[in-house]
Each structure stands twice: as C-alpha cells, then as structure tokens.
Amino acid sequence: MNVVEQVAELMRVAARTAPKARGIDLLEIKVIKGETIKKLSKKMLQIGKAANNNTFLRDGENILKAEAIVLLGTVSRYLGLRLCGYCGYANCAEAEKAKLMCALNTGDLGIAIGSAVSVAMDHRIDNRVMYSVGKTALEMGLLGKEVVAAYGVPLSATGKNPFFDRD
C-alpha cells in the first residue's frame, strides 16, 4: 500500500470517529482505486455530456489523476428529537410525515468530511471535496442503496494539485 492509500485509510478512521448527533453513526465510507475510479470517471463524463454540465465533465477527467478516492455518504434517519427544527419542522415526527431528510444527518456528514480532509492536509496529500463524485457514486450504488447524500474526495501526491484545475 502506498502513502496515498495509507492516508485514505486514515481519513476513513477520522471520518468514522468524528462527532455525530446522539452518537448515532449513519455514515458509509469507502476507498476506491484503480478500475473503480475509471468506471466512476466514465459515468461522470456520461452524466456531464447528457446534462451539458461542465462540472461533471471537468471533474470526471480530473479524478483520473487520483491514486485513491474517499467516498463518504449518509443514510437519512430521524433521530427522534422532540426539539430541534433544523429541517424546518418542529420535531422529527413532523419531518418524518413530510418525508424530509434530517438536517443532522447531513451535518454529521459535513463534520466527518472536515475530519477526513484535515488528515489529508496534515499529510500534505492533495485533495478536493467534490459533490459531483458523490452524486455519481450514488447513481452507481457504490455506497449502498440506503445512502442518500454523498461526496467524494480524490487524493493525489504530485507537484501540483490536479483537482483545482478550474475553467
């Protein structure tokens, strides 16, 4: 296992141990490499062409320069709080009736992503959080059928971060 892959595994640990609402872990975290990255790129390019979306086209090309990609996603579950309202409803029971995603689930995902990318930064591994990677991973079922929101973090160790090439 090379250094980038080792850091990807450390990122998984950092995301897993990040604080979560009520201590309930609803995250799915996976590291992909090699052929899976190529399949992900191909699907991103298909999405980009079909939707005339330059973000997916650009990111689909950029991830081919990644040695590994950390995928992080969350399922949506109500936490049974009687007083919260972060989703716009008074409590979880009302949100569940409206079939709304729990805001704390996505909040936990964001905290986990922050913990993960801080590990990459500590090891000076180039990275970038990409919603396009996460959305495509969801469409491909890479994180399982229950995951409803996801992001991807491609990783590289070269002279220039290839994930910041922007038009």
Foldseek 3Di string as FASTA:
>chain_A
DDPQVVLLVVLVVQLQPFDAVVNDDFKFKDKDADPVLLVLLVLLCVVCVVVVNVLSPLVSVLLVQFRMKMKMFGFFDFPFDQADCPQPDGGSVVCVVVVHGDPRRVVSRVRSNVRSVVSCVVVVKAKDKAQSSNVSCQVVQVRHVRTDGMIMIGTHDDPDRSNPDDD
